[in-house]
């Protein structure tokens, strides 16, 4: 007797080809957009640094939870987090977040 996993149809290769880059780009935008929102909520530079830092820690925890739930997305989530952090550091250094 076949289990439900064995009888399920395989995903289309073309659909799977864009899923990982789309996940990485979406998570990078999520990290950067959340940091932008945290910078808007900050009233001073020091509270901005604390809010953005806490947002990055939260998103790193979300990436870890996603890795535990979907191990196939490990590289995409970590790359997305890294790209988001680089974007935050780049735009924050140019004072474009506030």
PDB file of N, CA and C in Angstrom:
ATOM      1  N   UNK A   1       0.841  -1.177   0.000  1.00  0.00           N
ATOM      2  CA  UNK A   1       0.000   0.000   0.000  1.00  0.00           C
ATOM      3  C   UNK A   1       0.891   1.246   0.000  1.00  0.00           C
ATOM      4  N   UNK A   2       0.552   2.195  -0.852  1.00  0.00           N
ATOM      5  CA  UNK A   2       1.355   3.404  -0.955  1.00  0.00           C
ATOM      6  C   UNK A   2       0.934   4.414   0.093  1.00  0.00           C
ATOM      7  N   UNK A   3       1.923   5.122   0.598  1.00  0.00           N
ATOM      8  CA  UNK A   3       1.619   6.201   1.530  1.00  0.00           C
ATOM      9  C   UNK A   3       1.173   7.430   0.727  1.00  0.00           C
ATOM     10  N   UNK A   4       0.494   8.384   1.362  1.00  0.00           N
ATOM     11  CA  UNK A   4       0.052   9.589   0.624  1.00  0.00           C
ATOM     12  C   UNK A   4       1.193  10.376   0.000  1.00  0.00           C
ATOM     13  N   UNK A   5       2.364  10.336   0.609  1.00  0.00           N
ATOM     14  CA  UNK A   5       3.499  11.074   0.047  1.00  0.00           C
ATOM     15  C   UNK A   5       3.973  10.464  -1.259  1.00  0.00           C
ATOM     16  N   UNK A   6       3.937   9.145  -1.359  1.00  0.00           N
ATOM     17  CA  UNK A   6       4.402   8.492  -2.572  1.00  0.00           C
ATOM     18  C   UNK A   6       3.422   8.680  -3.725  1.00  0.00           C
ATOM     19  N   UNK A   7       2.147   8.807  -3.439  1.00  0.00           N
ATOM     20  CA  UNK A   7       1.159   8.933  -4.506  1.00  0.00           C
ATOM     21  C   UNK A   7       0.947  10.385  -4.941  1.00  0.00           C
ATOM     22  N   UNK A   8       1.500  11.345  -4.216  1.00  0.00           N
ATOM     23  CA  UNK A   8       1.337  12.746  -4.583  1.00  0.00           C
ATOM     24  C   UNK A   8       2.141  13.046  -5.837  1.00  0.00           C
ATOM     25  N   UNK A   9       1.592  13.869  -6.727  1.00  0.00           N
ATOM     26  CA  UNK A   9       2.338  14.193  -7.949  1.00  0.00           C
ATOM     27  C   UNK A   9       3.567  15.040  -7.633  1.00  0.00           C
ATOM     28  N   UNK A  10       4.602  14.852  -8.411  1.00  0.00           N
ATOM     29  CA  UNK A  10       5.837  15.631  -8.233  1.00  0.00           C
ATOM     30  C   UNK A  10       5.616  17.056  -8.718  1.00  0.00           C
ATOM     31  N   UNK A  11       6.231  18.047  -8.044  1.00  0.00           N
ATOM     32  CA  UNK A  11       6.071  19.434  -8.501  1.00  0.00           C
ATOM     33  C   UNK A  11       6.706  19.629  -9.871  1.00  0.00           C
ATOM     34  N   UNK A  12       6.154  20.545 -10.615  1.00  0.00           N
ATOM     35  CA  UNK A  12       6.673  20.841 -11.946  1.00  0.00           C
ATOM     36  C   UNK A  12       8.063  21.454 -11.824  1.00  0.00           C
ATOM     37  N   UNK A  13       9.050  20.982 -12.608  1.00  0.00           N
ATOM     38  CA  UNK A  13      10.425  21.505 -12.469  1.00  0.00           C
ATOM     39  C   UNK A  13      10.543  23.007 -12.704  1.00  0.00           C
ATOM     40  N   UNK A  14       9.748  23.551 -13.617  1.00  0.00           N
ATOM     41  CA  UNK A  14       9.848  24.992 -13.874  1.00  0.00           C
ATOM     42  C   UNK A  14       9.345  25.794 -12.682  1.00  0.00           C
ATOM     43  N   UNK A  15       8.344  25.281 -11.994  1.00  0.00           N
ATOM     44  CA  UNK A  15       7.829  25.992 -10.821  1.00  0.00           C
ATOM     45  C   UNK A  15       8.851  25.961  -9.695  1.00  0.00           C
ATOM     46  N   UNK A  16       9.533  24.845  -9.524  1.00  0.00           N
ATOM     47  CA  UNK A  16      10.512  24.737  -8.460  1.00  0.00           C
ATOM     48  C   UNK A  16      11.759  25.572  -8.770  1.00  0.00           C
ATOM     49  N   UNK A  17      12.047  25.804 -10.031  1.00  0.00           N
ATOM     50  CA  UNK A  17      13.257  26.540 -10.415  1.00  0.00           C
ATOM     51  C   UNK A  17      13.220  27.983  -9.926  1.00  0.00           C
ATOM     52  N   UNK A  18      12.072  28.616  -9.891  1.00  0.00           N
ATOM     53  CA  UNK A  18      11.999  30.009  -9.462  1.00  0.00           C
ATOM     54  C   UNK A  18      11.598  30.155  -8.009  1.00  0.00           C
ATOM     55  N   UNK A  19      11.236  29.069  -7.339  1.00  0.00           N
ATOM     56  CA  UNK A  19      10.758  29.161  -5.955  1.00  0.00           C
ATOM     57  C   UNK A  19      11.876  29.578  -4.998  1.00  0.00           C
ATOM     58  N   UNK A  20      13.058  29.046  -5.156  1.00  0.00           N
ATOM     59  CA  UNK A  20      14.147  29.361  -4.220  1.00  0.00           C
ATOM     60  C   UNK A  20      14.644  30.794  -4.409  1.00  0.00           C
ATOM     61  N   UNK A  21      14.916  31.269  -5.636  1.00  0.00           N
ATOM     62  CA  UNK A  21      15.307  32.683  -5.761  1.00  0.00           C
ATOM     63  C   UNK A  21      14.202  33.642  -5.324  1.00  0.00           C
ATOM     64  N   UNK A  22      12.958  33.286  -5.580  1.00  0.00           N
ATOM     65  CA  UNK A  22      11.855  34.151  -5.153  1.00  0.00           C
ATOM     66  C   UNK A  22      11.762  34.204  -3.636  1.00  0.00           C
ATOM     67  N   UNK A  23      12.004  33.091  -2.974  1.00  0.00           N
ATOM     68  CA  UNK A  23      11.998  33.067  -1.514  1.00  0.00           C
ATOM     69  C   UNK A  23      13.124  33.934  -0.957  1.00  0.00           C
ATOM     70  N   UNK A  24      14.306  33.827  -1.548  1.00  0.00           N
ATOM     71  CA  UNK A  24      15.441  34.631  -1.085  1.00  0.00           C
ATOM     72  C   UNK A  24      15.169  36.127  -1.283  1.00  0.00           C
ATOM     73  N   UNK A  25      14.661  36.494  -2.444  1.00  0.00           N
ATOM     74  CA  UNK A  25      14.381  37.910  -2.708  1.00  0.00           C
ATOM     75  C   UNK A  25      13.259  38.430  -1.810  1.00  0.00           C
ATOM     76  N   UNK A  26      12.233  37.625  -1.626  1.00  0.00           N
ATOM     77  CA  UNK A  26      11.124  38.038  -0.765  1.00  0.00           C
ATOM     78  C   UNK A  26      11.555  38.214   0.678  1.00  0.00           C
ATOM     79  N   UNK A  27      12.383  37.307   1.180  1.00  0.00           N
ATOM     80  CA  UNK A  27      12.834  37.432   2.565  1.00  0.00           C
ATOM     81  C   UNK A  27      13.785  38.616   2.722  1.00  0.00           C
ATOM     82  N   UNK A  28      14.622  38.892   1.713  1.00  0.00           N
ATOM     83  CA  UNK A  28      15.502  40.065   1.772  1.00  0.00           C
ATOM     84  C   UNK A  28      14.681  41.352   1.815  1.00  0.00           C
ATOM     85  N   UNK A  29      13.626  41.414   1.011  1.00  0.00           N
ATOM     86  CA  UNK A  29      12.756  42.591   1.035  1.00  0.00           C
ATOM     87  C   UNK A  29      12.017  42.706   2.364  1.00  0.00           C
ATOM     88  N   UNK A  30      11.623  41.580   2.927  1.00  0.00           N
ATOM     89  CA  UNK A  30      10.950  41.571   4.228  1.00  0.00           C
ATOM     90  C   UNK A  30      11.867  42.113   5.317  1.00  0.00           C
ATOM     91  N   UNK A  31      13.132  41.683   5.313  1.00  0.00           N
ATOM     92  CA  UNK A  31      14.110  42.157   6.305  1.00  0.00           C
ATOM     93  C   UNK A  31      14.345  43.656   6.138  1.00  0.00           C
ATOM     94  N   UNK A  32      14.581  44.102   4.901  1.00  0.00           N
ATOM     95  CA  UNK A  32      14.888  45.509   4.663  1.00  0.00           C
ATOM     96  C   UNK A  32      13.678  46.409   4.928  1.00  0.00           C
ATOM     97  N   UNK A  33      12.491  45.976   4.513  1.00  0.00           N
ATOM     98  CA  UNK A  33      11.293  46.794   4.729  1.00  0.00           C
ATOM     99  C   UNK A  33      10.956  46.892   6.211  1.00  0.00           C
ATOM    100  N   UNK A  34      11.132  45.807   6.944  1.00  0.00           N
ATOM    101  CA  UNK A  34      10.887  45.846   8.382  1.00  0.00           C
ATOM    102  C   UNK A  34      11.853  46.771   9.096  1.00  0.00           C
ATOM    103  N   UNK A  35      13.110  46.770   8.659  1.00  0.00           N
ATOM    104  CA  UNK A  35      14.083  47.684   9.262  1.00  0.00           C
ATOM    105  C   UNK A  35      13.724  49.129   8.951  1.00  0.00           C
ATOM    106  N   UNK A  36      13.200  49.364   7.778  1.00  0.00           N
ATOM    107  CA  UNK A  36      12.767  50.728   7.424  1.00  0.00           C
ATOM    108  C   UNK A  36      11.613  51.171   8.315  1.00  0.00           C
ATOM    109  N   UNK A  37      10.677  50.293   8.559  1.00  0.00           N
ATOM    110  CA  UNK A  37       9.547  50.621   9.440  1.00  0.00           C
ATOM    111  C   UNK A  37      10.044  50.877  10.857  1.00  0.00           C
ATOM    112  N   UNK A  38      10.976  50.076  11.334  1.00  0.00           N
ATOM    113  CA  UNK A  38      11.526  50.282  12.675  1.00  0.00           C
ATOM    114  C   UNK A  38      12.262  51.622  12.757  1.00  0.00           C
ATOM    115  N   UNK A  39      12.943  52.016  11.684  1.00  0.00           N
ATOM    116  CA  UNK A  39      13.642  53.301  11.689  1.00  0.00           C
ATOM    117  C   UNK A  39      12.652  54.459  11.732  1.00  0.00           C
ATOM    118  N   UNK A  40      11.511  54.292  11.101  1.00  0.00           N
ATOM    119  CA  UNK A  40      10.493  55.341  11.129  1.00  0.00           C
ATOM    120  C   UNK A  40       9.927  55.489  12.541  1.00  0.00           C
ATOM    121  N   UNK A  41       9.745  54.365  13.243  1.00  0.00           N
ATOM    122  CA  UNK A  41       9.196  54.408  14.593  1.00  0.00           C
ATOM    123  C   UNK A  41      10.184  54.959  15.617  1.00  0.00           C
ATOM    124  N   UNK A  42      11.451  54.970  15.298  1.00  0.00           N
ATOM    125  CA  UNK A  42      12.464  55.427  16.252  1.00  0.00           C
ATOM    126  C   UNK A  42      12.399  56.941  16.406  1.00  0.00           C
ATOM    127  N   UNK A  43      12.552  57.394  17.644  1.00  0.00           N
ATOM    128  CA  UNK A  43      12.543  58.827  17.898  1.00  0.00           C
ATOM    129  C   UNK A  43      13.949  59.411  17.948  1.00  0.00           C
ATOM    130  N   UNK A  44      14.926  58.583  18.193  1.00  0.00           N
ATOM    131  CA  UNK A  44      16.307  59.060  18.203  1.00  0.00           C
ATOM    132  C   UNK A  44      17.183  58.011  17.530  1.00  0.00           C
ATOM    133  N   UNK A  45      18.434  58.362  17.306  1.00  0.00           N
ATOM    134  CA  UNK A  45      19.333  57.431  16.647  1.00  0.00           C
ATOM    135  C   UNK A  45      19.572  56.187  17.484  1.00  0.00           C
ATOM    136  N   UNK A  46      19.706  56.352  18.784  1.00  0.00           N
ATOM    137  CA  UNK A  46      19.990  55.199  19.635  1.00  0.00           C
ATOM    138  C   UNK A  46      18.804  54.241  19.705  1.00  0.00           C
ATOM    139  N   UNK A  47      17.588  54.776  19.775  1.00  0.00           N
ATOM    140  CA  UNK A  47      16.443  53.866  19.768  1.00  0.00           C
ATOM    141  C   UNK A  47      16.269  53.239  18.393  1.00  0.00           C
ATOM    142  N   UNK A  48      16.681  53.949  17.337  1.00  0.00           N
ATOM    143  CA  UNK A  48      16.639  53.377  15.999  1.00  0.00           C
ATOM    144  C   UNK A  48      17.572  52.194  15.860  1.00  0.00           C
ATOM    145  N   UNK A  49      18.767  52.329  16.401  1.00  0.00           N
ATOM    146  CA  UNK A  49      19.727  51.223  16.360  1.00  0.00           C
ATOM    147  C   UNK A  49      19.179  50.031  17.130  1.00  0.00           C
ATOM    148  N   UNK A  50      18.577  50.280  18.275  1.00  0.00           N
ATOM    149  CA  UNK A  50      18.024  49.184  19.077  1.00  0.00           C
ATOM    150  C   UNK A  50      16.841  48.517  18.377  1.00  0.00           C
ATOM    151  N   UNK A  51      15.955  49.312  17.789  1.00  0.00           N
ATOM    152  CA  UNK A  51      14.807  48.735  17.098  1.00  0.00           C
ATOM    153  C   UNK A  51      15.219  47.957  15.854  1.00  0.00           C
ATOM    154  N   UNK A  52      16.139  48.492  15.087  1.00  0.00           N
ATOM    155  CA  UNK A  52      16.597  47.771  13.897  1.00  0.00           C
ATOM    156  C   UNK A  52      17.339  46.501  14.293  1.00  0.00           C
ATOM    157  N   UNK A  53      18.151  46.569  15.336  1.00  0.00           N
ATOM    158  CA  UNK A  53      18.839  45.372  15.817  1.00  0.00           C
ATOM    159  C   UNK A  53      17.875  44.308  16.295  1.00  0.00           C
ATOM    160  N   UNK A  54      16.844  44.716  17.013  1.00  0.00           N
ATOM    161  CA  UNK A  54      15.864  43.725  17.477  1.00  0.00           C
ATOM    162  C   UNK A  54      15.078  43.153  16.303  1.00  0.00           C
ATOM    163  N   UNK A  55      14.810  43.970  15.275  1.00  0.00           N
ATOM    164  CA  UNK A  55      14.124  43.466  14.086  1.00  0.00           C
ATOM    165  C   UNK A  55      14.991  42.430  13.373  1.00  0.00           C
ATOM    166  N   UNK A  56      16.293  42.693  13.264  1.00  0.00           N
ATOM    167  CA  UNK A  56      17.182  41.734  12.604  1.00  0.00           C
ATOM    168  C   UNK A  56      17.274  40.431  13.386  1.00  0.00           C
ATOM    169  N   UNK A  57      17.291  40.514  14.703  1.00  0.00           N
ATOM    170  CA  UNK A  57      17.318  39.293  15.514  1.00  0.00           C
ATOM    171  C   UNK A  57      16.021  38.512  15.340  1.00  0.00           C
ATOM    172  N   UNK A  58      14.883  39.225  15.296  1.00  0.00           N
ATOM    173  CA  UNK A  58      13.598  38.558  15.073  1.00  0.00           C
ATOM    174  C   UNK A  58      13.555  37.869  13.720  1.00  0.00           C
ATOM    175  N   UNK A  59      14.022  38.546  12.672  1.00  0.00           N
ATOM    176  CA  UNK A  59      13.985  37.927  11.346  1.00  0.00           C
ATOM    177  C   UNK A  59      14.973  36.769  11.234  1.00  0.00           C
ATOM    178  N   UNK A  60      16.093  36.835  11.939  1.00  0.00           N
ATOM    179  CA  UNK A  60      17.007  35.702  11.956  1.00  0.00           C
ATOM    180  C   UNK A  60      16.338  34.507  12.633  1.00  0.00           C
ATOM    181  N   UNK A  61      15.581  34.763  13.695  1.00  0.00           N
ATOM    182  CA  UNK A  61      14.818  33.686  14.336  1.00  0.00           C
ATOM    183  C   UNK A  61      13.757  33.116  13.414  1.00  0.00           C
ATOM    184  N   UNK A  62      13.099  33.981  12.643  1.00  0.00           N
ATOM    185  CA  UNK A  62      12.111  33.495  11.671  1.00  0.00           C
ATOM    186  C   UNK A  62      12.771  32.663  10.580  1.00  0.00           C
ATOM    187  N   UNK A  63      13.958  33.075  10.146  1.00  0.00           N
ATOM    188  CA  UNK A  63      14.684  32.287   9.146  1.00  0.00           C
ATOM    189  C   UNK A  63      15.050  30.918   9.723  1.00  0.00           C
ATOM    190  N   UNK A  64      15.477  30.882  10.972  1.00  0.00           N
ATOM    191  CA  UNK A  64      15.816  29.606  11.595  1.00  0.00           C
ATOM    192  C   UNK A  64      14.584  28.712  11.707  1.00  0.00           C
ATOM    193  N   UNK A  65      13.448  29.309  12.079  1.00  0.00           N
ATOM    194  CA  UNK A  65      12.215  28.519  12.159  1.00  0.00           C
ATOM    195  C   UNK A  65      11.825  27.992  10.780  1.00  0.00           C
ATOM    196  N   UNK A  66      11.989  28.825   9.752  1.00  0.00           N
ATOM    197  CA  UNK A  66      11.700  28.371   8.396  1.00  0.00           C
ATOM    198  C   UNK A  66      12.623  27.258   7.947  1.00  0.00           C
ATOM    199  N   UNK A  67      13.879  27.321   8.369  1.00  0.00           N
ATOM    200  CA  UNK A  67      14.833  26.264   8.029  1.00  0.00           C
ATOM    201  C   UNK A  67      14.440  24.955   8.705  1.00  0.00           C
ATOM    202  N   UNK A  68      13.980  25.050   9.941  1.00  0.00           N
ATOM    203  CA  UNK A  68      13.571  23.835  10.654  1.00  0.00           C
ATOM    204  C   UNK A  68      12.315  23.230  10.039  1.00  0.00           C
ATOM    205  N   UNK A  69      11.411  24.085   9.528  1.00  0.00           N
ATOM    206  CA  UNK A  69      10.172  23.579   8.926  1.00  0.00           C
ATOM    207  C   UNK A  69      10.384  23.109   7.486  1.00  0.00           C
ATOM    208  N   UNK A  70      11.176  23.827   6.725  1.00  0.00           N
ATOM    209  CA  UNK A  70      11.438  23.496   5.318  1.00  0.00           C
ATOM    210  C   UNK A  70      12.939  23.465   5.074  1.00  0.00           C
ATOM    211  N   UNK A  71      13.602  22.334   5.322  1.00  0.00           N
ATOM    212  CA  UNK A  71      15.062  22.278   5.153  1.00  0.00           C
ATOM    213  C   UNK A  71      15.530  22.583   3.727  1.00  0.00           C
ATOM    214  N   UNK A  72      14.679  22.413   2.743  1.00  0.00           N
ATOM    215  CA  UNK A  72      15.070  22.709   1.365  1.00  0.00           C
ATOM    216  C   UNK A  72      15.267  24.186   1.096  1.00  0.00           C
ATOM    217  N   UNK A  73      14.779  25.037   1.987  1.00  0.00           N
ATOM    218  CA  UNK A  73      14.903  26.486   1.803  1.00  0.00           C
ATOM    219  C   UNK A  73      16.039  27.087   2.626  1.00  0.00           C
ATOM    220  N   UNK A  74      16.934  26.273   3.125  1.00  0.00           N
ATOM    221  CA  UNK A  74      18.012  26.761   3.987  1.00  0.00           C
ATOM    222  C   UNK A  74      18.831  27.850   3.309  1.00  0.00           C
ATOM    223  N   UNK A  75      19.341  27.552   2.127  1.00  0.00           N
ATOM    224  CA  UNK A  75      20.195  28.522   1.437  1.00  0.00           C
ATOM    225  C   UNK A  75      19.412  29.776   1.073  1.00  0.00           C
ATOM    226  N   UNK A  76      18.169  29.612   0.649  1.00  0.00           N
ATOM    227  CA  UNK A  76      17.375  30.773   0.240  1.00  0.00           C
ATOM    228  C   UNK A  76      17.107  31.700   1.417  1.00  0.00           C
ATOM    229  N   UNK A  77      16.741  31.154   2.559  1.00  0.00           N
ATOM    230  CA  UNK A  77      16.434  32.001   3.712  1.00  0.00           C
ATOM    231  C   UNK A  77      17.682  32.673   4.268  1.00  0.00           C
ATOM    232  N   UNK A  78      18.772  31.941   4.340  1.00  0.00           N
ATOM    233  CA  UNK A  78      20.000  32.550   4.858  1.00  0.00           C
ATOM    234  C   UNK A  78      20.556  33.591   3.885  1.00  0.00           C
ATOM    235  N   UNK A  79      20.487  33.315   2.590  1.00  0.00           N
ATOM    236  CA  UNK A  79      20.927  34.300   1.613  1.00  0.00           C
ATOM    237  C   UNK A  79      20.018  35.524   1.644  1.00  0.00           C
ATOM    238  N   UNK A  80      18.723  35.302   1.775  1.00  0.00           N
ATOM    239  CA  UNK A  80      17.789  36.420   1.863  1.00  0.00           C
ATOM    240  C   UNK A  80      18.039  37.274   3.091  1.00  0.00           C
ATOM    241  N   UNK A  81      18.314  36.630   4.224  1.00  0.00           N
ATOM    242  CA  UNK A  81      18.624  37.374   5.442  1.00  0.00           C
ATOM    243  C   UNK A  81      19.908  38.177   5.257  1.00  0.00           C
ATOM    244  N   UNK A  82      20.928  37.546   4.699  1.00  0.00           N
ATOM    245  CA  UNK A  82      22.194  38.244   4.480  1.00  0.00           C
ATOM    246  C   UNK A  82      22.053  39.415   3.534  1.00  0.00           C
ATOM    247  N   UNK A  83      21.306  39.232   2.459  1.00  0.00           N
ATOM    248  CA  UNK A  83      21.092  40.327   1.506  1.00  0.00           C
ATOM    249  C   UNK A  83      20.302  41.460   2.152  1.00  0.00           C
ATOM    250  N   UNK A  84      19.332  41.115   2.983  1.00  0.00           N
ATOM    251  CA  UNK A  84      18.572  42.145   3.692  1.00  0.00           C
ATOM    252  C   UNK A  84      19.433  42.929   4.656  1.00  0.00           C
ATOM    253  N   UNK A  85      20.317  42.244   5.361  1.00  0.00           N
ATOM    254  CA  UNK A  85      21.211  42.920   6.308  1.00  0.00           C
ATOM    255  C   UNK A  85      22.183  43.832   5.561  1.00  0.00           C
ATOM    256  N   UNK A  86      22.695  43.364   4.441  1.00  0.00           N
ATOM    257  CA  UNK A  86      23.598  44.205   3.642  1.00  0.00           C
ATOM    258  C   UNK A  86      22.855  45.444   3.139  1.00  0.00           C
ATOM    259  N   UNK A  87      21.615  45.276   2.702  1.00  0.00           N
ATOM    260  CA  UNK A  87      20.829  46.432   2.248  1.00  0.00           C
ATOM    261  C   UNK A  87      20.580  47.408   3.386  1.00  0.00           C
ATOM    262  N   UNK A  88      20.273  46.889   4.571  1.00  0.00           N
ATOM    263  CA  UNK A  88      20.042  47.761   5.728  1.00  0.00           C
ATOM    264  C   UNK A  88      21.324  48.506   6.090  1.00  0.00           C
ATOM    265  N   UNK A  89      22.441  47.812   6.089  1.00  0.00           N
ATOM    266  CA  UNK A  89      23.709  48.466   6.426  1.00  0.00           C
ATOM    267  C   UNK A  89      24.078  49.512   5.370  1.00  0.00           C
ATOM    268  N   UNK A  90      23.856  49.198   4.105  1.00  0.00           N
ATOM    269  CA  UNK A  90      24.195  50.129   3.025  1.00  0.00           C
ATOM    270  C   UNK A  90      23.324  51.381   3.096  1.00  0.00           C
ATOM    271  N   UNK A  91      22.013  51.198   3.156  1.00  0.00           N
ATOM    272  CA  UNK A  91      21.129  52.344   3.179  1.00  0.00           C
ATOM    273  C   UNK A  91      21.161  53.067   4.527  1.00  0.00           C
ATOM    274  N   UNK A  92      21.395  52.347   5.599  1.00  0.00           N
ATOM    275  CA  UNK A  92      21.538  52.996   6.900  1.00  0.00           C
ATOM    276  C   UNK A  92      22.786  53.838   6.973  1.00  0.00           C
ATOM    277  N   UNK A  93      23.855  53.384   6.328  1.00  0.00           N
ATOM    278  CA  UNK A  93      25.094  54.156   6.297  1.00  0.00           C
ATOM    279  C   UNK A  93      24.947  55.435   5.498  1.00  0.00           C
ATOM    280  N   UNK A  94      24.055  55.430   4.525  1.00  0.00           N
ATOM    281  CA  UNK A  94      23.806  56.645   3.745  1.00  0.00           C
ATOM    282  C   UNK A  94      22.676  57.480   4.352  1.00  0.00           C
ATOM    283  N   UNK A  95      22.197  57.098   5.506  1.00  0.00           N
ATOM    284  CA  UNK A  95      21.123  57.782   6.225  1.00  0.00           C
ATOM    285  C   UNK A  95      19.848  57.865   5.389  1.00  0.00           C
ATOM    286  N   UNK A  96      19.555  56.777   4.674  1.00  0.00           N
ATOM    287  CA  UNK A  96      18.346  56.753   3.860  1.00  0.00           C
ATOM    288  C   UNK A  96      17.207  56.012   4.545  1.00  0.00           C
ATOM    289  N   UNK A  97      17.454  55.452   5.726  1.00  0.00           N
ATOM    290  CA  UNK A  97      16.398  54.733   6.419  1.00  0.00           C
ATOM    291  C   UNK A  97      15.452  55.678   7.133  1.00  0.00           C
ATOM    292  N   UNK A  98      15.963  56.812   7.579  1.00  0.00           N
ATOM    293  CA  UNK A  98      15.113  57.733   8.341  1.00  0.00           C
ATOM    294  C   UNK A  98      14.656  58.901   7.505  1.00  0.00           C
TER     295      UNK A  98
END
